[in-house]
Amino acid sequence: MKYIFLVLICFSTSSIIAQDKATYDKVSKTFQENFNAQNIDAIFDLYTTEMQKEMTKEGVKRFVNGCHDQFGKLKGFTFIEAAEGIYSYDVEFDKLTLVMELQLNKEGKISAIQFQES
């Protein structure tokens, strides 16, 4: 009986994780498309209200334009891991590959995003 219960918990947990990963992958793809198009308004709309207040639209513009100028176009993502609500991806740009750490809120909005060297 214990084993059946454990198996049920594993299946229910894995479907939740898969759903979360699908949401993260969708937001990452949308971010990529808007980053490459340098669509600041669309990227700003991906952020939570708190992030919008913290970064401001002008801050997002500087961030996106600076990254685009320095790294080039964002070519693709490779999932690394999910730990403590933060999803990590290898992110390939024209000029180099970085690690992106991404956290979304319950509504699928970006509450934290960070790029760093791997």
C-alpha atoms as a PDB file:
ATOM      1  CA  MET A   1       0.000   0.000   0.000  1.00  0.00           C
ATOM      2  CA  LYS A   2       2.872   2.382   0.815  1.00  0.00           C
ATOM      3  CA  TYR A   3       4.420   1.777  -2.606  1.00  0.00           C
ATOM      4  CA  ILE A   4       1.196   2.543  -4.442  1.00  0.00           C
ATOM      5  CA  PHE A   5       0.901   5.812  -2.532  1.00  0.00           C
ATOM      6  CA  LEU A   6       4.527   6.729  -3.347  1.00  0.00           C
ATOM      7  CA  VAL A   7       4.023   5.945  -7.023  1.00  0.00           C
ATOM      8  CA  LEU A   8       0.915   8.149  -7.124  1.00  0.00           C
ATOM      9  CA  ILE A   9       2.823  11.002  -5.490  1.00  0.00           C
ATOM     10  CA  CYS A  10       5.671  10.634  -7.995  1.00  0.00           C
ATOM     11  CA  PHE A  11       3.299  10.727 -10.975  1.00  0.00           C
ATOM     12  CA  SER A  12       1.396  13.742  -9.686  1.00  0.00           C
ATOM     13  CA  THR A  13       4.617  15.609  -8.872  1.00  0.00           C
ATOM     14  CA  SER A  14       6.194  14.861 -12.252  1.00  0.00           C
ATOM     15  CA  SER A  15       3.168  16.236 -14.104  1.00  0.00           C
ATOM     16  CA  ILE A  16       3.385  19.461 -12.075  1.00  0.00           C
ATOM     17  CA  ILE A  17       7.098  19.768 -12.842  1.00  0.00           C
ATOM     18  CA  ALA A  18       6.477  19.074 -16.545  1.00  0.00           C
ATOM     19  CA  GLN A  19       3.769  21.742 -16.596  1.00  0.00           C
ATOM     20  CA  ASP A  20       6.128  24.219 -14.945  1.00  0.00           C
ATOM     21  CA  LYS A  21       8.881  23.384 -17.421  1.00  0.00           C
ATOM     22  CA  ALA A  22       6.473  23.922 -20.317  1.00  0.00           C
ATOM     23  CA  THR A  23       5.598  27.363 -18.915  1.00  0.00           C
ATOM     24  CA  TYR A  24       9.269  28.236 -18.443  1.00  0.00           C
ATOM     25  CA  ASP A  25      10.109  27.039 -21.962  1.00  0.00           C
ATOM     26  CA  LYS A  26       7.262  29.116 -23.415  1.00  0.00           C
ATOM     27  CA  VAL A  27       8.324  32.274 -21.561  1.00  0.00           C
ATOM     28  CA  SER A  28      11.969  31.674 -22.557  1.00  0.00           C
ATOM     29  CA  LYS A  29      10.992  31.340 -26.233  1.00  0.00           C
ATOM     30  CA  THR A  30       8.878  34.507 -26.046  1.00  0.00           C
ATOM     31  CA  PHE A  31      11.768  36.324 -24.360  1.00  0.00           C
ATOM     32  CA  GLN A  32      14.108  35.119 -27.133  1.00  0.00           C
ATOM     33  CA  GLU A  33      11.834  36.338 -29.928  1.00  0.00           C
ATOM     34  CA  ASN A  34      11.358  39.740 -28.325  1.00  0.00           C
ATOM     35  CA  PHE A  35      15.034  40.046 -27.377  1.00  0.00           C
ATOM     36  CA  ASN A  36      16.103  39.425 -30.965  1.00  0.00           C
ATOM     37  CA  ALA A  37      13.516  41.914 -32.233  1.00  0.00           C
ATOM     38  CA  GLN A  38      14.577  44.309 -29.447  1.00  0.00           C
ATOM     39  CA  ASN A  39      10.895  44.703 -28.566  1.00  0.00           C
ATOM     40  CA  ILE A  40      11.314  46.428 -25.210  1.00  0.00           C
ATOM     41  CA  ASP A  41       7.584  46.821 -24.553  1.00  0.00           C
ATOM     42  CA  ALA A  42       6.925  43.097 -25.026  1.00  0.00           C
ATOM     43  CA  ILE A  43       9.846  42.125 -22.768  1.00  0.00           C
ATOM     44  CA  PHE A  44       8.710  44.630 -20.131  1.00  0.00           C
ATOM     45  CA  ASP A  45       5.239  43.032 -20.239  1.00  0.00           C
ATOM     46  CA  LEU A  46       6.796  39.620 -19.431  1.00  0.00           C
ATOM     47  CA  TYR A  47       7.920  40.942 -16.028  1.00  0.00           C
ATOM     48  CA  THR A  48       5.907  40.942 -12.808  1.00  0.00           C
ATOM     49  CA  THR A  49       4.590  44.272 -11.556  1.00  0.00           C
ATOM     50  CA  GLU A  50       7.288  44.247  -8.878  1.00  0.00           C
ATOM     51  CA  MET A  51      10.034  43.711 -11.463  1.00  0.00           C
ATOM     52  CA  GLN A  52       8.573  46.462 -13.643  1.00  0.00           C
ATOM     53  CA  LYS A  53       8.737  48.893 -10.734  1.00  0.00           C
ATOM     54  CA  GLU A  54      12.258  47.797  -9.822  1.00  0.00           C
ATOM     55  CA  MET A  55      13.725  47.818 -13.335  1.00  0.00           C
ATOM     56  CA  THR A  56      11.563  50.438 -15.102  1.00  0.00           C
ATOM     57  CA  LYS A  57      11.063  50.353 -18.853  1.00  0.00           C
ATOM     58  CA  GLU A  58      14.177  52.474 -19.371  1.00  0.00           C
ATOM     59  CA  GLY A  59      16.215  49.969 -17.319  1.00  0.00           C
ATOM     60  CA  VAL A  60      14.881  47.077 -19.391  1.00  0.00           C
ATOM     61  CA  LYS A  61      15.779  48.983 -22.557  1.00  0.00           C
ATOM     62  CA  ARG A  62      19.378  49.515 -21.351  1.00  0.00           C
ATOM     63  CA  PHE A  63      19.622  45.850 -20.291  1.00  0.00           C
ATOM     64  CA  VAL A  64      18.303  44.462 -23.589  1.00  0.00           C
ATOM     65  CA  ASN A  65      20.212  46.861 -25.830  1.00  0.00           C
ATOM     66  CA  GLY A  66      23.432  46.345 -23.861  1.00  0.00           C
ATOM     67  CA  CYS A  67      23.156  42.550 -23.962  1.00  0.00           C
ATOM     68  CA  HIS A  68      22.210  42.582 -27.646  1.00  0.00           C
ATOM     69  CA  ASP A  69      25.168  44.810 -28.529  1.00  0.00           C
ATOM     70  CA  GLN A  70      27.620  42.819 -26.403  1.00  0.00           C
ATOM     71  CA  PHE A  71      26.444  39.234 -27.080  1.00  0.00           C
ATOM     72  CA  GLY A  72      24.515  39.379 -30.360  1.00  0.00           C
ATOM     73  CA  LYS A  73      21.275  37.583 -31.121  1.00  0.00           C
ATOM     74  CA  LEU A  74      19.962  34.937 -28.772  1.00  0.00           C
ATOM     75  CA  LYS A  75      20.145  31.702 -30.755  1.00  0.00           C
ATOM     76  CA  GLY A  76      18.735  29.114 -28.343  1.00  0.00           C
ATOM     77  CA  PHE A  77      18.280  27.598 -24.904  1.00  0.00           C
ATOM     78  CA  THR A  78      19.296  24.268 -23.400  1.00  0.00           C
ATOM     79  CA  PHE A  79      17.664  23.333 -20.102  1.00  0.00           C
ATOM     80  CA  ILE A  80      20.160  22.553 -17.316  1.00  0.00           C
ATOM     81  CA  GLU A  81      18.148  22.112 -14.114  1.00  0.00           C
ATOM     82  CA  ALA A  82      15.398  23.364 -11.857  1.00  0.00           C
ATOM     83  CA  ALA A  83      16.250  24.035  -8.220  1.00  0.00           C
ATOM     84  CA  GLU A  84      14.267  25.914  -5.605  1.00  0.00           C
ATOM     85  CA  GLY A  85      11.947  27.486  -8.188  1.00  0.00           C
ATOM     86  CA  ILE A  86      14.785  28.725 -10.406  1.00  0.00           C
ATOM     87  CA  TYR A  87      15.245  27.222 -13.848  1.00  0.00           C
ATOM     88  CA  SER A  88      18.721  27.324 -15.342  1.00  0.00           C
ATOM     89  CA  TYR A  89      19.481  27.237 -19.065  1.00  0.00           C
ATOM     90  CA  ASP A  90      22.585  27.403 -21.199  1.00  0.00           C
ATOM     91  CA  VAL A  91      21.827  30.321 -23.516  1.00  0.00           C
ATOM     92  CA  GLU A  92      23.643  30.527 -26.818  1.00  0.00           C
ATOM     93  CA  PHE A  93      24.183  33.979 -28.274  1.00  0.00           C
ATOM     94  CA  ASP A  94      26.015  34.832 -31.501  1.00  0.00           C
ATOM     95  CA  LYS A  95      29.198  35.651 -29.599  1.00  0.00           C
ATOM     96  CA  LEU A  96      29.175  33.382 -26.520  1.00  0.00           C
ATOM     97  CA  THR A  97      27.168  31.074 -24.280  1.00  0.00           C
ATOM     98  CA  LEU A  98      25.940  32.138 -20.857  1.00  0.00           C
ATOM     99  CA  VAL A  99      23.828  30.594 -18.106  1.00  0.00           C
ATOM    100  CA  MET A 100      20.417  32.152 -17.630  1.00  0.00           C
ATOM    101  CA  GLU A 101      18.648  31.755 -14.311  1.00  0.00           C
ATOM    102  CA  LEU A 102      14.921  32.381 -14.577  1.00  0.00           C
ATOM    103  CA  GLN A 103      12.178  32.515 -11.987  1.00  0.00           C
ATOM    104  CA  LEU A 104       8.484  32.954 -12.763  1.00  0.00           C
ATOM    105  CA  ASN A 105       5.574  33.753 -10.497  1.00  0.00           C
ATOM    106  CA  LYS A 106       2.346  31.712 -10.437  1.00  0.00           C
ATOM    107  CA  GLU A 107       0.963  33.698 -13.380  1.00  0.00           C
ATOM    108  CA  GLY A 108       3.989  32.882 -15.555  1.00  0.00           C
ATOM    109  CA  LYS A 109       5.541  36.359 -15.303  1.00  0.00           C
ATOM    110  CA  ILE A 110       9.290  36.850 -14.862  1.00  0.00           C
ATOM    111  CA  SER A 111      10.098  37.621 -11.232  1.00  0.00           C
ATOM    112  CA  ALA A 112      13.877  37.201 -11.649  1.00  0.00           C
ATOM    113  CA  ILE A 113      16.224  36.836 -14.597  1.00  0.00           C
ATOM    114  CA  GLN A 114      20.003  36.769 -14.571  1.00  0.00           C
ATOM    115  CA  PHE A 115      22.718  35.964 -17.082  1.00  0.00           C
ATOM    116  CA  GLN A 116      26.148  34.846 -15.964  1.00  0.00           C
ATOM    117  CA  GLU A 117      29.213  33.081 -17.287  1.00  0.00           C
ATOM    118  CA  SER A 118      29.149  29.315 -17.016  1.00  0.00           C
END
